[in-house]
PDB file of all heavy atoms in Angstrom:
ATOM      1  N   TRP A   1       8.599 -83.077 -55.110  1.00  0.00           N
ATOM      2  CA  TRP A   1       7.290 -82.876 -54.581  1.00  0.00           C
ATOM      3  C   TRP A   1       6.352 -82.497 -55.879  1.00  0.00           C
ATOM      4  O   TRP A   1       5.073 -82.970 -55.880  1.00  0.00           O
ATOM      5  CB  TRP A   1       7.256 -81.702 -53.599  1.00  0.00           C
ATOM      6  CG  TRP A   1       7.621 -82.250 -52.278  1.00  0.00           C
ATOM      7  CD1 TRP A   1       8.886 -81.942 -51.698  1.00  0.00           C
ATOM      8  CD2 TRP A   1       7.025 -83.123 -51.230  1.00  0.00           C
ATOM      9  NE1 TRP A   1       8.941 -82.626 -50.537  1.00  0.00           N
ATOM     10  CE2 TRP A   1       7.846 -83.261 -50.255  1.00  0.00           C
ATOM     11  CE3 TRP A   1       5.637 -83.698 -51.341  1.00  0.00           C
ATOM     12  CZ2 TRP A   1       7.496 -83.973 -49.095  1.00  0.00           C
ATOM     13  CZ3 TRP A   1       5.350 -84.472 -50.241  1.00  0.00           C
ATOM     14  CH2 TRP A   1       6.229 -84.682 -49.131  1.00  0.00           C
ATOM     15  N   VAL A   2       6.811 -81.794 -56.742  1.00  0.00           N
ATOM     16  CA  VAL A   2       6.037 -81.418 -58.018  1.00  0.00           C
ATOM     17  C   VAL A   2       5.744 -82.707 -58.779  1.00  0.00           C
ATOM     18  O   VAL A   2       4.483 -82.765 -59.181  1.00  0.00           O
ATOM     19  CB  VAL A   2       6.782 -80.494 -58.791  1.00  0.00           C
ATOM     20  CG1 VAL A   2       5.957 -80.215 -60.242  1.00  0.00           C
ATOM     21  CG2 VAL A   2       6.902 -79.033 -58.158  1.00  0.00           C
ATOM     22  N   VAL A   3       6.710 -83.589 -58.939  1.00  0.00           N
ATOM     23  CA  VAL A   3       6.542 -84.750 -59.654  1.00  0.00           C
ATOM     24  C   VAL A   3       5.583 -85.720 -58.933  1.00  0.00           C
ATOM     25  O   VAL A   3       4.693 -86.193 -59.568  1.00  0.00           O
ATOM     26  CB  VAL A   3       7.872 -85.616 -59.951  1.00  0.00           C
ATOM     27  CG1 VAL A   3       7.565 -87.018 -60.474  1.00  0.00           C
ATOM     28  CG2 VAL A   3       8.706 -84.684 -60.935  1.00  0.00           C
ATOM     29  N   ARG A   4       5.723 -85.829 -57.661  1.00  0.00           N
ATOM     30  CA  ARG A   4       4.647 -86.601 -56.854  1.00  0.00           C
ATOM     31  C   ARG A   4       3.203 -86.061 -57.116  1.00  0.00           C
ATOM     32  O   ARG A   4       2.314 -86.878 -57.413  1.00  0.00           O
ATOM     33  CB  ARG A   4       4.984 -86.471 -55.408  1.00  0.00           C
ATOM     34  CG  ARG A   4       6.219 -87.298 -54.961  1.00  0.00           C
ATOM     35  CD  ARG A   4       6.571 -86.987 -53.524  1.00  0.00           C
ATOM     36  NE  ARG A   4       7.714 -87.720 -52.956  1.00  0.00           N
ATOM     37  CZ  ARG A   4       8.205 -87.648 -51.859  1.00  0.00           C
ATOM     38  NH1 ARG A   4       7.942 -86.513 -51.130  1.00  0.00           N
ATOM     39  NH2 ARG A   4       9.240 -88.406 -51.385  1.00  0.00           N
ATOM     40  N   GLY A   5       3.043 -84.773 -57.052  1.00  0.00           N
ATOM     41  CA  GLY A   5       1.858 -84.091 -57.176  1.00  0.00           C
ATOM     42  C   GLY A   5       1.266 -84.226 -58.593  1.00  0.00           C
ATOM     43  O   GLY A   5       0.007 -84.565 -58.772  1.00  0.00           O
ATOM     44  N   LEU A   6       2.049 -84.260 -59.603  1.00  0.00           N
ATOM     45  CA  LEU A   6       1.548 -84.468 -60.929  1.00  0.00           C
ATOM     46  C   LEU A   6       1.079 -85.939 -61.178  1.00  0.00           C
ATOM     47  O   LEU A   6       0.119 -86.073 -61.790  1.00  0.00           O
ATOM     48  CB  LEU A   6       2.665 -84.107 -61.949  1.00  0.00           C
ATOM     49  CG  LEU A   6       3.008 -82.524 -62.093  1.00  0.00           C
ATOM     50  CD1 LEU A   6       4.162 -82.356 -62.962  1.00  0.00           C
ATOM     51  CD2 LEU A   6       1.751 -81.849 -62.718  1.00  0.00           C
ATOM     52  N   LEU A   7       1.858 -86.864 -60.653  1.00  0.00           N
ATOM     53  CA  LEU A   7       1.375 -88.214 -60.810  1.00  0.00           C
ATOM     54  C   LEU A   7       0.218 -88.591 -60.148  1.00  0.00           C
ATOM     55  O   LEU A   7      -0.743 -89.236 -60.575  1.00  0.00           O
ATOM     56  CB  LEU A   7       2.545 -89.107 -60.339  1.00  0.00           C
ATOM     57  CG  LEU A   7       3.815 -89.146 -61.189  1.00  0.00           C
ATOM     58  CD1 LEU A   7       4.961 -89.986 -60.563  1.00  0.00           C
ATOM     59  CD2 LEU A   7       3.528 -89.796 -62.561  1.00  0.00           C
ATOM     60  N   LEU A   8       0.008 -87.996 -58.736  1.00  0.00           N
ATOM     61  CA  LEU A   8      -1.119 -88.306 -58.146  1.00  0.00           C
ATOM     62  C   LEU A   8      -2.387 -87.523 -58.764  1.00  0.00           C
ATOM     63  O   LEU A   8      -3.456 -88.145 -58.906  1.00  0.00           O
ATOM     64  CB  LEU A   8      -0.998 -87.730 -56.728  1.00  0.00           C
ATOM     65  CG  LEU A   8      -0.134 -88.550 -55.723  1.00  0.00           C
ATOM     66  CD1 LEU A   8       0.015 -87.745 -54.414  1.00  0.00           C
ATOM     67  CD2 LEU A   8      -0.629 -89.967 -55.510  1.00  0.00           C
ATOM     68  N   PHE A   9      -2.095 -86.338 -59.223  1.00  0.00           N
ATOM     69  CA  PHE A   9      -3.339 -85.593 -59.966  1.00  0.00           C
ATOM     70  C   PHE A   9      -3.681 -86.316 -61.220  1.00  0.00           C
ATOM     71  O   PHE A   9      -4.899 -86.602 -61.458  1.00  0.00           O
ATOM     72  CB  PHE A   9      -2.713 -84.177 -60.297  1.00  0.00           C
ATOM     73  CG  PHE A   9      -3.765 -83.460 -61.099  1.00  0.00           C
ATOM     74  CD1 PHE A   9      -4.767 -82.735 -60.542  1.00  0.00           C
ATOM     75  CD2 PHE A   9      -3.574 -83.226 -62.542  1.00  0.00           C
ATOM     76  CE1 PHE A   9      -5.640 -81.914 -61.210  1.00  0.00           C
ATOM     77  CE2 PHE A   9      -4.464 -82.529 -63.187  1.00  0.00           C
ATOM     78  CZ  PHE A   9      -5.471 -81.854 -62.673  1.00  0.00           C
ATOM     79  N   THR A  10      -2.749 -86.843 -61.933  1.00  0.00           N
ATOM     80  CA  THR A  10      -3.104 -87.673 -63.188  1.00  0.00           C
ATOM     81  C   THR A  10      -3.811 -88.913 -62.809  1.00  0.00           C
ATOM     82  O   THR A  10      -4.755 -89.329 -63.648  1.00  0.00           O
ATOM     83  CB  THR A  10      -1.760 -87.944 -63.946  1.00  0.00           C
ATOM     84  OG1 THR A  10      -0.979 -86.688 -64.230  1.00  0.00           O
ATOM     85  CG2 THR A  10      -2.221 -88.543 -65.301  1.00  0.00           C
ATOM     86  N   LEU A  11      -3.455 -89.537 -61.706  1.00  0.00           N
ATOM     87  CA  LEU A  11      -4.198 -90.743 -61.341  1.00  0.00           C
ATOM     88  C   LEU A  11      -5.672 -90.499 -61.051  1.00  0.00           C
ATOM     89  O   LEU A  11      -6.512 -91.357 -61.168  1.00  0.00           O
ATOM     90  CB  LEU A  11      -3.584 -91.221 -60.000  1.00  0.00           C
ATOM     91  CG  LEU A  11      -2.603 -92.425 -60.077  1.00  0.00           C
ATOM     92  CD1 LEU A  11      -1.919 -92.807 -58.701  1.00  0.00           C
ATOM     93  CD2 LEU A  11      -3.073 -93.542 -60.740  1.00  0.00           C
ATOM     94  N   ALA A  12      -6.048 -89.265 -60.690  1.00  0.00           N
ATOM     95  CA  ALA A  12      -7.432 -88.909 -60.491  1.00  0.00           C
ATOM     96  C   ALA A  12      -8.350 -88.997 -61.795  1.00  0.00           C
ATOM     97  O   ALA A  12      -9.489 -89.066 -61.907  1.00  0.00           O
ATOM     98  CB  ALA A  12      -7.646 -87.503 -59.815  1.00  0.00           C
ATOM     99  N   PHE A  13      -7.590 -88.846 -63.003  1.00  0.00           N
ATOM    100  CA  PHE A  13      -8.116 -88.969 -64.243  1.00  0.00           C
ATOM    101  C   PHE A  13      -7.960 -90.300 -65.046  1.00  0.00           C
ATOM    102  O   PHE A  13      -8.549 -90.563 -66.038  1.00  0.00           O
ATOM    103  CB  PHE A  13      -7.747 -87.733 -65.008  1.00  0.00           C
ATOM    104  CG  PHE A  13      -8.076 -86.438 -64.532  1.00  0.00           C
ATOM    105  CD1 PHE A  13      -7.303 -85.835 -63.613  1.00  0.00           C
ATOM    106  CD2 PHE A  13      -9.233 -85.835 -64.984  1.00  0.00           C
ATOM    107  CE1 PHE A  13      -7.598 -84.641 -63.131  1.00  0.00           C
ATOM    108  CE2 PHE A  13      -9.662 -84.636 -64.432  1.00  0.00           C
ATOM    109  CZ  PHE A  13      -8.795 -84.034 -63.461  1.00  0.00           C
ATOM    110  N   ALA A  14      -6.901 -91.037 -64.574  1.00  0.00           N
ATOM    111  CA  ALA A  14      -6.492 -92.252 -65.276  1.00  0.00           C
ATOM    112  C   ALA A  14      -7.494 -93.378 -65.282  1.00  0.00           C
ATOM    113  O   ALA A  14      -7.270 -94.211 -66.206  1.00  0.00           O
ATOM    114  CB  ALA A  14      -5.189 -92.602 -64.694  1.00  0.00           C
ATOM    115  N   ASN A  15      -8.592 -93.335 -64.494  1.00  0.00           N
ATOM    116  CA  ASN A  15      -9.526 -94.465 -64.584  1.00  0.00           C
ATOM    117  C   ASN A  15     -10.501 -94.259 -65.716  1.00  0.00           C
ATOM    118  O   ASN A  15     -11.222 -95.151 -66.161  1.00  0.00           O
ATOM    119  CB  ASN A  15     -10.286 -94.327 -63.282  1.00  0.00           C
ATOM    120  CG  ASN A  15     -11.015 -92.988 -62.987  1.00  0.00           C
ATOM    121  OD1 ASN A  15     -10.420 -91.935 -63.239  1.00  0.00           O
ATOM    122  ND2 ASN A  15     -12.227 -93.039 -62.470  1.00  0.00           N
ATOM    123  N   LEU A  16     -10.305 -92.988 -66.451  1.00  0.00           N
ATOM    124  CA  LEU A  16     -11.230 -92.809 -67.629  1.00  0.00           C
ATOM    125  C   LEU A  16     -12.691 -93.140 -67.475  1.00  0.00           C
ATOM    126  O   LEU A  16     -13.375 -93.592 -68.390  1.00  0.00           O
ATOM    127  CB  LEU A  16     -10.707 -93.645 -68.842  1.00  0.00           C
ATOM    128  CG  LEU A  16      -9.177 -93.569 -69.174  1.00  0.00           C
ATOM    129  CD1 LEU A  16      -8.829 -94.416 -70.313  1.00  0.00           C
ATOM    130  CD2 LEU A  16      -8.787 -92.135 -69.465  1.00  0.00           C
ATOM    131  N   ASN A  17     -13.182 -92.906 -66.274  1.00  0.00           N
ATOM    132  CA  ASN A  17     -14.576 -93.180 -65.994  1.00  0.00           C
ATOM    133  C   ASN A  17     -15.097 -92.045 -65.338  1.00  0.00           C
ATOM    134  O   ASN A  17     -14.673 -91.548 -64.292  1.00  0.00           O
ATOM    135  CB  ASN A  17     -14.649 -94.477 -65.016  1.00  0.00           C
ATOM    136  CG  ASN A  17     -16.031 -94.881 -64.700  1.00  0.00           C
ATOM    137  OD1 ASN A  17     -16.886 -94.530 -65.361  1.00  0.00           O
ATOM    138  ND2 ASN A  17     -16.264 -95.520 -63.579  1.00  0.00           N
ATOM    139  N   ASP A  18     -16.230 -91.477 -65.778  1.00  0.00           N
ATOM    140  CA  ASP A  18     -16.873 -90.316 -65.246  1.00  0.00           C
ATOM    141  C   ASP A  18     -17.626 -90.747 -64.001  1.00  0.00           C
ATOM    142  O   ASP A  18     -18.849 -91.410 -64.178  1.00  0.00           O
ATOM    143  CB  ASP A  18     -17.885 -89.599 -66.225  1.00  0.00           C
ATOM    144  CG  ASP A  18     -16.989 -88.880 -67.306  1.00  0.00           C
ATOM    145  OD1 ASP A  18     -16.020 -88.376 -67.068  1.00  0.00           O
ATOM    146  OD2 ASP A  18     -17.445 -88.717 -68.436  1.00  0.00           O
ATOM    147  N   ILE A  19     -17.293 -90.367 -62.856  1.00  0.00           N
ATOM    148  CA  ILE A  19     -18.123 -90.675 -61.569  1.00  0.00           C
ATOM    149  C   ILE A  19     -18.533 -89.389 -61.038  1.00  0.00           C
ATOM    150  O   ILE A  19     -17.629 -88.576 -60.621  1.00  0.00           O
ATOM    151  CB  ILE A  19     -17.172 -91.540 -60.519  1.00  0.00           C
ATOM    152  CG1 ILE A  19     -16.749 -92.744 -61.189  1.00  0.00           C
ATOM    153  CG2 ILE A  19     -18.041 -91.767 -59.320  1.00  0.00           C
ATOM    154  CD1 ILE A  19     -15.816 -93.591 -60.289  1.00  0.00           C
ATOM    155  N   TRP A  20     -19.714 -89.106 -60.879  1.00  0.00           N
ATOM    156  CA  TRP A  20     -20.139 -87.842 -60.347  1.00  0.00           C
ATOM    157  C   TRP A  20     -21.583 -88.017 -59.836  1.00  0.00           C
ATOM    158  O   TRP A  20     -22.179 -89.173 -59.810  1.00  0.00           O
ATOM    159  CB  TRP A  20     -20.235 -86.695 -61.493  1.00  0.00           C
ATOM    160  CG  TRP A  20     -21.426 -87.033 -62.480  1.00  0.00           C
ATOM    161  CD1 TRP A  20     -21.531 -87.991 -63.450  1.00  0.00           C
ATOM    162  CD2 TRP A  20     -22.651 -86.239 -62.547  1.00  0.00           C
ATOM    163  NE1 TRP A  20     -22.733 -87.861 -64.041  1.00  0.00           N
ATOM    164  CE2 TRP A  20     -23.384 -86.798 -63.552  1.00  0.00           C
ATOM    165  CE3 TRP A  20     -23.083 -85.090 -61.954  1.00  0.00           C
ATOM    166  CZ2 TRP A  20     -24.625 -86.287 -64.022  1.00  0.00           C
ATOM    167  CZ3 TRP A  20     -24.374 -84.605 -62.258  1.00  0.00           C
ATOM    168  CH2 TRP A  20     -25.124 -85.165 -63.325  1.00  0.00           C
ATOM    169  N   SER A  21     -22.209 -87.012 -59.295  1.00  0.00           N
ATOM    170  CA  SER A  21     -23.501 -87.044 -58.609  1.00  0.00           C
ATOM    171  C   SER A  21     -24.167 -85.855 -58.836  1.00  0.00           C
ATOM    172  O   SER A  21     -23.605 -84.709 -58.936  1.00  0.00           O
ATOM    173  CB  SER A  21     -23.292 -87.355 -57.138  1.00  0.00           C
ATOM    174  OG  SER A  21     -24.596 -87.048 -56.474  1.00  0.00           O
ATOM    175  N   PRO A  22     -25.476 -85.831 -58.843  1.00  0.00           N
ATOM    176  CA  PRO A  22     -26.245 -84.495 -58.928  1.00  0.00           C
ATOM    177  C   PRO A  22     -25.883 -83.444 -57.784  1.00  0.00           C
ATOM    178  O   PRO A  22     -26.081 -82.337 -57.883  1.00  0.00           O
ATOM    179  CB  PRO A  22     -27.748 -84.901 -58.965  1.00  0.00           C
ATOM    180  CG  PRO A  22     -27.779 -86.270 -59.520  1.00  0.00           C
ATOM    181  CD  PRO A  22     -26.549 -86.929 -59.125  1.00  0.00           C
ATOM    182  N   ASP A  23     -25.418 -84.196 -56.657  1.00  0.00           N
ATOM    183  CA  ASP A  23     -25.059 -83.312 -55.437  1.00  0.00           C
ATOM    184  C   ASP A  23     -24.066 -82.307 -55.862  1.00  0.00           C
ATOM    185  O   ASP A  23     -24.015 -81.278 -55.328  1.00  0.00           O
ATOM    186  CB  ASP A  23     -24.277 -84.290 -54.509  1.00  0.00           C
ATOM    187  CG  ASP A  23     -25.292 -84.956 -53.598  1.00  0.00           C
ATOM    188  OD1 ASP A  23     -26.547 -84.976 -53.862  1.00  0.00           O
ATOM    189  OD2 ASP A  23     -24.851 -85.717 -52.635  1.00  0.00           O
ATOM    190  N   THR A  24     -23.161 -82.573 -56.892  1.00  0.00           N
ATOM    191  CA  THR A  24     -22.138 -81.642 -57.331  1.00  0.00           C
ATOM    192  C   THR A  24     -22.616 -80.470 -58.110  1.00  0.00           C
ATOM    193  O   THR A  24     -21.935 -79.375 -58.434  1.00  0.00           O
ATOM    194  CB  THR A  24     -21.024 -82.389 -57.980  1.00  0.00           C
ATOM    195  OG1 THR A  24     -21.478 -82.813 -59.262  1.00  0.00           O
ATOM    196  CG2 THR A  24     -20.498 -83.493 -57.152  1.00  0.00           C
ATOM    197  N   VAL A  25     -23.904 -80.488 -58.668  1.00  0.00           N
ATOM    198  CA  VAL A  25     -24.356 -79.480 -59.586  1.00  0.00           C
ATOM    199  C   VAL A  25     -24.383 -78.050 -58.975  1.00  0.00           C
ATOM    200  O   VAL A  25     -23.774 -77.211 -59.666  1.00  0.00           O
ATOM    201  CB  VAL A  25     -25.802 -79.952 -60.204  1.00  0.00           C
ATOM    202  CG1 VAL A  25     -26.440 -78.805 -60.940  1.00  0.00           C
ATOM    203  CG2 VAL A  25     -25.655 -81.207 -60.950  1.00  0.00           C
ATOM    204  N   PRO A  26     -25.038 -77.781 -57.940  1.00  0.00           N
ATOM    205  CA  PRO A  26     -25.044 -76.538 -57.348  1.00  0.00           C
ATOM    206  C   PRO A  26     -23.589 -75.894 -56.908  1.00  0.00           C
ATOM    207  O   PRO A  26     -23.259 -74.814 -57.109  1.00  0.00           O
ATOM    208  CB  PRO A  26     -25.897 -76.536 -56.191  1.00  0.00           C
ATOM    209  CG  PRO A  26     -26.086 -77.925 -55.662  1.00  0.00           C
ATOM    210  CD  PRO A  26     -25.933 -78.675 -57.025  1.00  0.00           C
ATOM    211  N   ASN A  27     -22.695 -76.967 -56.538  1.00  0.00           N
ATOM    212  CA  ASN A  27     -21.406 -76.595 -56.221  1.00  0.00           C
ATOM    213  C   ASN A  27     -20.651 -76.132 -57.495  1.00  0.00           C
ATOM    214  O   ASN A  27     -19.914 -75.043 -57.415  1.00  0.00           O
ATOM    215  CB  ASN A  27     -20.636 -77.658 -55.630  1.00  0.00           C
ATOM    216  CG  ASN A  27     -21.253 -78.270 -54.427  1.00  0.00           C
ATOM    217  OD1 ASN A  27     -21.944 -77.603 -53.649  1.00  0.00           O
ATOM    218  ND2 ASN A  27     -21.082 -79.521 -54.077  1.00  0.00           N
ATOM    219  N   THR A  28     -20.939 -76.619 -58.594  1.00  0.00           N
ATOM    220  CA  THR A  28     -20.309 -76.278 -59.796  1.00  0.00           C
ATOM    221  C   THR A  28     -20.891 -74.942 -60.394  1.00  0.00           C
ATOM    222  O   THR A  28     -20.104 -74.177 -61.131  1.00  0.00           O
ATOM    223  CB  THR A  28     -20.224 -77.388 -60.827  1.00  0.00           C
ATOM    224  OG1 THR A  28     -21.577 -77.770 -61.184  1.00  0.00           O
ATOM    225  CG2 THR A  28     -19.484 -78.535 -60.390  1.00  0.00           C
TER     226      THR A  28
END
């Protein structure tokens, strides 16, 4: 399960593309 989680987590960054929105500013 740890390996599965690490691979999925890394996939969230593997696109190497910053996708964001001003919506996220106050949340951060």
